[in-house]
PDB file of all heavy atoms in Angstrom:
ATOM      1  N   CYS A   1     100.691 204.026 -31.781  1.00  0.00           N
ATOM      2  CA  CYS A   1     100.471 203.811 -33.226  1.00  0.00           C
ATOM      3  C   CYS A   1     101.464 202.793 -33.776  1.00  0.00           C
ATOM      4  O   CYS A   1     101.976 202.931 -34.893  1.00  0.00           O
ATOM      5  CB  CYS A   1     100.561 205.116 -33.996  1.00  0.00           C
ATOM      6  SG  CYS A   1      99.221 206.266 -33.622  1.00  0.00           S
ATOM      7  N   ALA A   2     101.736 201.786 -32.973  1.00  0.00           N
ATOM      8  CA  ALA A   2     102.637 200.698 -33.380  1.00  0.00           C
ATOM      9  C   ALA A   2     102.102 199.399 -32.781  1.00  0.00           C
ATOM     10  O   ALA A   2     102.805 198.694 -32.039  1.00  0.00           O
ATOM     11  CB  ALA A   2     104.059 200.976 -32.917  1.00  0.00           C
ATOM     12  N   MET A   3     100.862 199.080 -33.106  1.00  0.00           N
ATOM     13  CA  MET A   3     100.215 197.914 -32.500  1.00  0.00           C
ATOM     14  C   MET A   3     100.947 196.602 -32.774  1.00  0.00           C
ATOM     15  O   MET A   3     101.008 195.735 -31.886  1.00  0.00           O
ATOM     16  CB  MET A   3      98.755 197.843 -32.951  1.00  0.00           C
ATOM     17  CG  MET A   3      97.914 199.004 -32.426  1.00  0.00           C
ATOM     18  SD  MET A   3      96.194 198.986 -32.990  1.00  0.00           S
ATOM     19  CE  MET A   3      95.544 197.669 -31.949  1.00  0.00           C
ATOM     20  N   PRO A   4     101.532 196.384 -33.963  1.00  0.00           N
ATOM     21  CA  PRO A   4     102.292 195.145 -34.157  1.00  0.00           C
ATOM     22  C   PRO A   4     103.473 194.995 -33.208  1.00  0.00           C
ATOM     23  O   PRO A   4     103.840 193.868 -32.846  1.00  0.00           O
ATOM     24  CB  PRO A   4     102.758 195.248 -35.617  1.00  0.00           C
ATOM     25  CG  PRO A   4     101.708 196.069 -36.283  1.00  0.00           C
ATOM     26  CD  PRO A   4     101.354 197.096 -35.245  1.00  0.00           C
ATOM     27  N   VAL A   5     104.065 196.106 -32.783  1.00  0.00           N
ATOM     28  CA  VAL A   5     105.142 196.034 -31.800  1.00  0.00           C
ATOM     29  C   VAL A   5     104.605 195.524 -30.469  1.00  0.00           C
ATOM     30  O   VAL A   5     105.218 194.662 -29.813  1.00  0.00           O
ATOM     31  CB  VAL A   5     105.813 197.416 -31.624  1.00  0.00           C
ATOM     32  CG1 VAL A   5     106.817 197.369 -30.476  1.00  0.00           C
ATOM     33  CG2 VAL A   5     106.495 197.848 -32.904  1.00  0.00           C
ATOM     34  N   MET A   6     103.441 196.030 -30.052  1.00  0.00           N
ATOM     35  CA  MET A   6     102.837 195.566 -28.806  1.00  0.00           C
ATOM     36  C   MET A   6     102.502 194.078 -28.891  1.00  0.00           C
ATOM     37  O   MET A   6     102.737 193.319 -27.937  1.00  0.00           O
ATOM     38  CB  MET A   6     101.569 196.363 -28.499  1.00  0.00           C
ATOM     39  CG  MET A   6     101.750 197.873 -28.417  1.00  0.00           C
ATOM     40  SD  MET A   6     102.888 198.434 -27.135  1.00  0.00           S
ATOM     41  CE  MET A   6     104.179 199.175 -28.154  1.00  0.00           C
ATOM     42  N   ASP A   7     101.998 193.652 -30.044  1.00  0.00           N
ATOM     43  CA  ASP A   7     101.677 192.231 -30.235  1.00  0.00           C
ATOM     44  C   ASP A   7     102.933 191.377 -30.114  1.00  0.00           C
ATOM     45  O   ASP A   7     102.903 190.296 -29.510  1.00  0.00           O
ATOM     46  CB  ASP A   7     101.023 192.011 -31.601  1.00  0.00           C
ATOM     47  CG  ASP A   7      99.643 192.624 -31.704  1.00  0.00           C
ATOM     48  OD1 ASP A   7      99.035 192.905 -30.646  1.00  0.00           O
ATOM     49  OD2 ASP A   7      99.171 192.841 -32.838  1.00  0.00           O
ATOM     50  N   PHE A   8     104.043 191.853 -30.670  1.00  0.00           N
ATOM     51  CA  PHE A   8     105.290 191.087 -30.620  1.00  0.00           C
ATOM     52  C   PHE A   8     105.750 190.883 -29.182  1.00  0.00           C
ATOM     53  O   PHE A   8     106.176 189.787 -28.803  1.00  0.00           O
ATOM     54  CB  PHE A   8     106.387 191.794 -31.424  1.00  0.00           C
ATOM     55  CG  PHE A   8     107.729 191.117 -31.336  1.00  0.00           C
ATOM     56  CD1 PHE A   8     108.022 190.040 -32.157  1.00  0.00           C
ATOM     57  CD2 PHE A   8     108.685 191.544 -30.421  1.00  0.00           C
ATOM     58  CE1 PHE A   8     109.253 189.399 -32.068  1.00  0.00           C
ATOM     59  CE2 PHE A   8     109.914 190.915 -30.333  1.00  0.00           C
ATOM     60  CZ  PHE A   8     110.201 189.845 -31.157  1.00  0.00           C
ATOM     61  N   PHE A   9     105.659 191.938 -28.371  1.00  0.00           N
ATOM     62  CA  PHE A   9     106.119 191.844 -26.981  1.00  0.00           C
ATOM     63  C   PHE A   9     105.017 191.347 -26.042  1.00  0.00           C
ATOM     64  O   PHE A   9     105.221 191.277 -24.828  1.00  0.00           O
ATOM     65  CB  PHE A   9     106.655 193.188 -26.511  1.00  0.00           C
ATOM     66  CG  PHE A   9     108.009 193.532 -27.086  1.00  0.00           C
ATOM     67  CD1 PHE A   9     108.117 194.373 -28.176  1.00  0.00           C
ATOM     68  CD2 PHE A   9     109.152 192.971 -26.553  1.00  0.00           C
ATOM     69  CE1 PHE A   9     109.361 194.685 -28.718  1.00  0.00           C
ATOM     70  CE2 PHE A   9     110.402 193.268 -27.080  1.00  0.00           C
ATOM     71  CZ  PHE A   9     110.504 194.121 -28.175  1.00  0.00           C
ATOM     72  N   GLN A  10     103.858 191.031 -26.604  1.00  0.00           N
ATOM     73  CA  GLN A  10     102.734 190.454 -25.853  1.00  0.00           C
ATOM     74  C   GLN A  10     102.317 191.343 -24.681  1.00  0.00           C
ATOM     75  O   GLN A  10     102.120 190.897 -23.563  1.00  0.00           O
ATOM     76  CB  GLN A  10     103.078 189.039 -25.381  1.00  0.00           C
ATOM     77  CG  GLN A  10     103.345 188.080 -26.535  1.00  0.00           C
ATOM     78  CD  GLN A  10     103.635 186.661 -26.072  1.00  0.00           C
ATOM     79  OE1 GLN A  10     104.129 186.434 -24.964  1.00  0.00           O
ATOM     80  NE2 GLN A  10     103.329 185.698 -26.919  1.00  0.00           N
ATOM     81  N   VAL A  11     102.202 192.629 -24.993  1.00  0.00           N
ATOM     82  CA  VAL A  11     101.692 193.590 -24.021  1.00  0.00           C
ATOM     83  C   VAL A  11     100.601 194.406 -24.709  1.00  0.00           C
ATOM     84  O   VAL A  11     100.664 194.651 -25.913  1.00  0.00           O
ATOM     85  CB  VAL A  11     102.802 194.518 -23.483  1.00  0.00           C
ATOM     86  CG1 VAL A  11     103.827 193.731 -22.685  1.00  0.00           C
ATOM     87  CG2 VAL A  11     103.479 195.286 -24.617  1.00  0.00           C
ATOM     88  N   PRO A  12      99.575 194.838 -23.951  1.00  0.00           N
ATOM     89  CA  PRO A  12      98.524 195.648 -24.578  1.00  0.00           C
ATOM     90  C   PRO A  12      98.981 197.061 -24.881  1.00  0.00           C
ATOM     91  O   PRO A  12      98.458 197.723 -25.776  1.00  0.00           O
ATOM     92  CB  PRO A  12      97.411 195.655 -23.527  1.00  0.00           C
ATOM     93  CG  PRO A  12      98.123 195.459 -22.226  1.00  0.00           C
ATOM     94  CD  PRO A  12      99.281 194.560 -22.528  1.00  0.00           C
ATOM     95  N   ALA A  13      99.960 197.526 -24.115  1.00  0.00           N
ATOM     96  CA  ALA A  13     100.434 198.904 -24.236  1.00  0.00           C
ATOM     97  C   ALA A  13     101.710 199.035 -23.416  1.00  0.00           C
ATOM     98  O   ALA A  13     102.068 198.141 -22.640  1.00  0.00           O
ATOM     99  CB  ALA A  13      99.372 199.873 -23.729  1.00  0.00           C
ATOM    100  N   THR A  14     102.394 200.146 -23.601  1.00  0.00           N
ATOM    101  CA  THR A  14     103.538 200.460 -22.752  1.00  0.00           C
ATOM    102  C   THR A  14     103.420 201.904 -22.275  1.00  0.00           C
ATOM    103  O   THR A  14     102.638 202.693 -22.806  1.00  0.00           O
ATOM    104  CB  THR A  14     104.884 200.298 -23.482  1.00  0.00           C
ATOM    105  OG1 THR A  14     105.023 201.312 -24.479  1.00  0.00           O
ATOM    106  CG2 THR A  14     105.014 198.926 -24.119  1.00  0.00           C
ATOM    107  N   ALA A  15     104.208 202.227 -21.274  1.00  0.00           N
ATOM    108  CA  ALA A  15     104.445 203.625 -20.911  1.00  0.00           C
ATOM    109  C   ALA A  15     105.745 204.037 -21.595  1.00  0.00           C
ATOM    110  O   ALA A  15     106.674 203.228 -21.715  1.00  0.00           O
ATOM    111  CB  ALA A  15     104.550 203.780 -19.406  1.00  0.00           C
ATOM    112  N   ARG A  16     105.811 205.276 -22.039  1.00  0.00           N
ATOM    113  CA  ARG A  16     106.993 205.712 -22.799  1.00  0.00           C
ATOM    114  C   ARG A  16     107.431 207.097 -22.351  1.00  0.00           C
ATOM    115  O   ARG A  16     106.648 208.042 -22.369  1.00  0.00           O
ATOM    116  CB  ARG A  16     106.673 205.746 -24.292  1.00  0.00           C
ATOM    117  CG  ARG A  16     107.866 206.136 -25.180  1.00  0.00           C
ATOM    118  CD  ARG A  16     107.428 206.348 -26.625  1.00  0.00           C
ATOM    119  NE  ARG A  16     106.574 207.524 -26.768  1.00  0.00           N
ATOM    120  CZ  ARG A  16     105.900 207.829 -27.872  1.00  0.00           C
ATOM    121  NH1 ARG A  16     105.959 207.028 -28.924  1.00  0.00           N
ATOM    122  NH2 ARG A  16     105.157 208.915 -27.927  1.00  0.00           N
ATOM    123  N   ALA A  17     108.685 207.177 -21.947  1.00  0.00           N
ATOM    124  CA  ALA A  17     109.315 208.468 -21.675  1.00  0.00           C
ATOM    125  C   ALA A  17     110.257 208.767 -22.830  1.00  0.00           C
ATOM    126  O   ALA A  17     111.095 207.931 -23.175  1.00  0.00           O
ATOM    127  CB  ALA A  17     110.078 208.433 -20.357  1.00  0.00           C
ATOM    128  N   SER A  18     110.108 209.931 -23.435  1.00  0.00           N
ATOM    129  CA  SER A  18     110.956 210.283 -24.575  1.00  0.00           C
ATOM    130  C   SER A  18     111.535 211.670 -24.336  1.00  0.00           C
ATOM    131  O   SER A  18     110.822 212.608 -23.998  1.00  0.00           O
ATOM    132  CB  SER A  18     110.161 210.234 -25.876  1.00  0.00           C
ATOM    133  OG  SER A  18     108.936 210.942 -25.769  1.00  0.00           O
ATOM    134  N   PHE A  19     112.838 211.783 -24.506  1.00  0.00           N
ATOM    135  CA  PHE A  19     113.572 212.969 -24.076  1.00  0.00           C
ATOM    136  C   PHE A  19     113.955 213.861 -25.255  1.00  0.00           C
ATOM    137  O   PHE A  19     114.149 213.403 -26.375  1.00  0.00           O
ATOM    138  CB  PHE A  19     114.840 212.561 -23.330  1.00  0.00           C
ATOM    139  CG  PHE A  19     114.622 211.511 -22.283  1.00  0.00           C
ATOM    140  CD1 PHE A  19     115.343 210.330 -22.293  1.00  0.00           C
ATOM    141  CD2 PHE A  19     113.668 211.686 -21.295  1.00  0.00           C
ATOM    142  CE1 PHE A  19     115.138 209.345 -21.332  1.00  0.00           C
ATOM    143  CE2 PHE A  19     113.449 210.713 -20.318  1.00  0.00           C
ATOM    144  CZ  PHE A  19     114.188 209.538 -20.353  1.00  0.00           C
ATOM    145  N   ALA A  20     114.083 215.150 -24.957  1.00  0.00           N
ATOM    146  CA  ALA A  20     114.626 216.135 -25.887  1.00  0.00           C
ATOM    147  C   ALA A  20     115.768 216.858 -25.194  1.00  0.00           C
ATOM    148  O   ALA A  20     116.012 216.676 -23.990  1.00  0.00           O
ATOM    149  CB  ALA A  20     113.546 217.119 -26.316  1.00  0.00           C
ATOM    150  N   PHE A  21     116.457 217.714 -25.937  1.00  0.00           N
ATOM    151  CA  PHE A  21     117.649 218.366 -25.392  1.00  0.00           C
ATOM    152  C   PHE A  21     117.329 219.342 -24.276  1.00  0.00           C
ATOM    153  O   PHE A  21     118.230 219.754 -23.541  1.00  0.00           O
ATOM    154  CB  PHE A  21     118.427 219.069 -26.506  1.00  0.00           C
ATOM    155  CG  PHE A  21     117.652 220.146 -27.225  1.00  0.00           C
ATOM    156  CD1 PHE A  21     117.627 221.439 -26.743  1.00  0.00           C
ATOM    157  CD2 PHE A  21     116.956 219.850 -28.381  1.00  0.00           C
ATOM    158  CE1 PHE A  21     116.919 222.425 -27.408  1.00  0.00           C
ATOM    159  CE2 PHE A  21     116.249 220.824 -29.061  1.00  0.00           C
ATOM    160  CZ  PHE A  21     116.216 222.120 -28.580  1.00  0.00           C
ATOM    161  N   TYR A  22     116.039 219.725 -24.115  1.00  0.00           N
ATOM    162  CA  TYR A  22     115.691 220.632 -23.016  1.00  0.00           C
ATOM    163  C   TYR A  22     115.304 219.886 -21.743  1.00  0.00           C
ATOM    164  O   TYR A  22     114.947 220.505 -20.742  1.00  0.00           O
ATOM    165  CB  TYR A  22     114.578 221.596 -23.416  1.00  0.00           C
ATOM    166  CG  TYR A  22     113.401 220.983 -24.160  1.00  0.00           C
ATOM    167  CD1 TYR A  22     112.590 220.014 -23.586  1.00  0.00           C
ATOM    168  CD2 TYR A  22     113.110 221.394 -25.461  1.00  0.00           C
ATOM    169  CE1 TYR A  22     111.516 219.465 -24.272  1.00  0.00           C
ATOM    170  CE2 TYR A  22     112.038 220.857 -26.159  1.00  0.00           C
ATOM    171  CZ  TYR A  22     111.246 219.892 -25.565  1.00  0.00           C
ATOM    172  OH  TYR A  22     110.190 219.349 -26.245  1.00  0.00           O
ATOM    173  N   ASN A  23     115.369 218.574 -21.763  1.00  0.00           N
ATOM    174  CA  ASN A  23     115.067 217.796 -20.558  1.00  0.00           C
ATOM    175  C   ASN A  23     116.297 217.668 -19.667  1.00  0.00           C
ATOM    176  O   ASN A  23     117.428 217.905 -20.092  1.00  0.00           O
ATOM    177  CB  ASN A  23     114.546 216.408 -20.927  1.00  0.00           C
ATOM    178  CG  ASN A  23     113.158 216.448 -21.518  1.00  0.00           C
ATOM    179  OD1 ASN A  23     112.900 215.899 -22.594  1.00  0.00           O
ATOM    180  ND2 ASN A  23     112.222 217.112 -20.840  1.00  0.00           N
ATOM    181  N   THR A  24     116.039 217.284 -18.401  1.00  0.00           N
ATOM    182  CA  THR A  24     117.110 217.234 -17.407  1.00  0.00           C
ATOM    183  C   THR A  24     117.073 215.921 -16.637  1.00  0.00           C
ATOM    184  O   THR A  24     116.072 215.209 -16.633  1.00  0.00           O
ATOM    185  CB  THR A  24     116.966 218.389 -16.397  1.00  0.00           C
ATOM    186  OG1 THR A  24     115.758 218.192 -15.629  1.00  0.00           O
ATOM    187  CG2 THR A  24     116.905 219.734 -17.103  1.00  0.00           C
ATOM    188  N   ARG A  25     118.171 215.637 -15.968  1.00  0.00           N
ATOM    189  CA  ARG A  25     118.215 214.455 -15.094  1.00  0.00           C
ATOM    190  C   ARG A  25     117.204 214.585 -13.959  1.00  0.00           C
ATOM    191  O   ARG A  25     116.623 213.586 -13.529  1.00  0.00           O
ATOM    192  CB  ARG A  25     119.626 214.290 -14.527  1.00  0.00           C
ATOM    193  CG  ARG A  25     120.662 213.814 -15.536  1.00  0.00           C
ATOM    194  CD  ARG A  25     121.977 213.507 -14.845  1.00  0.00           C
ATOM    195  NE  ARG A  25     122.926 212.864 -15.746  1.00  0.00           N
ATOM    196  CZ  ARG A  25     124.025 212.236 -15.333  1.00  0.00           C
ATOM    197  NH1 ARG A  25     124.297 212.185 -14.031  1.00  0.00           N
ATOM    198  NH2 ARG A  25     124.843 211.679 -16.203  1.00  0.00           N
ATOM    199  N   GLU A  26     117.017 215.796 -13.476  1.00  0.00           N
ATOM    200  CA  GLU A  26     116.073 216.003 -12.375  1.00  0.00           C
ATOM    201  C   GLU A  26     114.658 215.600 -12.791  1.00  0.00           C
ATOM    202  O   GLU A  26     113.900 215.045 -11.977  1.00  0.00           O
ATOM    203  CB  GLU A  26     116.104 217.482 -11.956  1.00  0.00           C
ATOM    204  CG  GLU A  26     115.256 217.816 -10.741  1.00  0.00           C
ATOM    205  CD  GLU A  26     113.827 218.229 -11.106  1.00  0.00           C
ATOM    206  OE1 GLU A  26     113.609 218.656 -12.262  1.00  0.00           O
ATOM    207  OE2 GLU A  26     112.928 218.105 -10.253  1.00  0.00           O
ATOM    208  N   GLU A  27     114.293 215.841 -14.037  1.00  0.00           N
ATOM    209  CA  GLU A  27     112.969 215.436 -14.514  1.00  0.00           C
ATOM    210  C   GLU A  27     112.844 213.918 -14.556  1.00  0.00           C
ATOM    211  O   GLU A  27     111.783 213.360 -14.276  1.00  0.00           O
ATOM    212  CB  GLU A  27     112.714 216.046 -15.892  1.00  0.00           C
ATOM    213  CG  GLU A  27     112.522 217.550 -15.855  1.00  0.00           C
ATOM    214  CD  GLU A  27     112.344 218.151 -17.227  1.00  0.00           C
ATOM    215  OE1 GLU A  27     113.061 217.738 -18.166  1.00  0.00           O
ATOM    216  OE2 GLU A  27     111.472 219.044 -17.382  1.00  0.00           O
ATOM    217  N   ILE A  28     113.937 213.241 -14.892  1.00  0.00           N
ATOM    218  CA  ILE A  28     113.932 211.776 -14.878  1.00  0.00           C
ATOM    219  C   ILE A  28     113.785 211.268 -13.448  1.00  0.00           C
ATOM    220  O   ILE A  28     113.060 210.293 -13.190  1.00  0.00           O
ATOM    221  CB  ILE A  28     115.213 211.238 -15.540  1.00  0.00           C
ATOM    222  CG1 ILE A  28     115.222 211.606 -17.030  1.00  0.00           C
ATOM    223  CG2 ILE A  28     115.330 209.722 -15.350  1.00  0.00           C
ATOM    224  CD1 ILE A  28     116.514 211.306 -17.742  1.00  0.00           C
TER     225      ILE A  28
END
């Protein structure tokens, strides 16, 4: 939901990993 950002970086989409405090290094 940030299509102008994708246009700026000239990519159709990205993959995104977003972390919370219950995540771990092992999951990364």
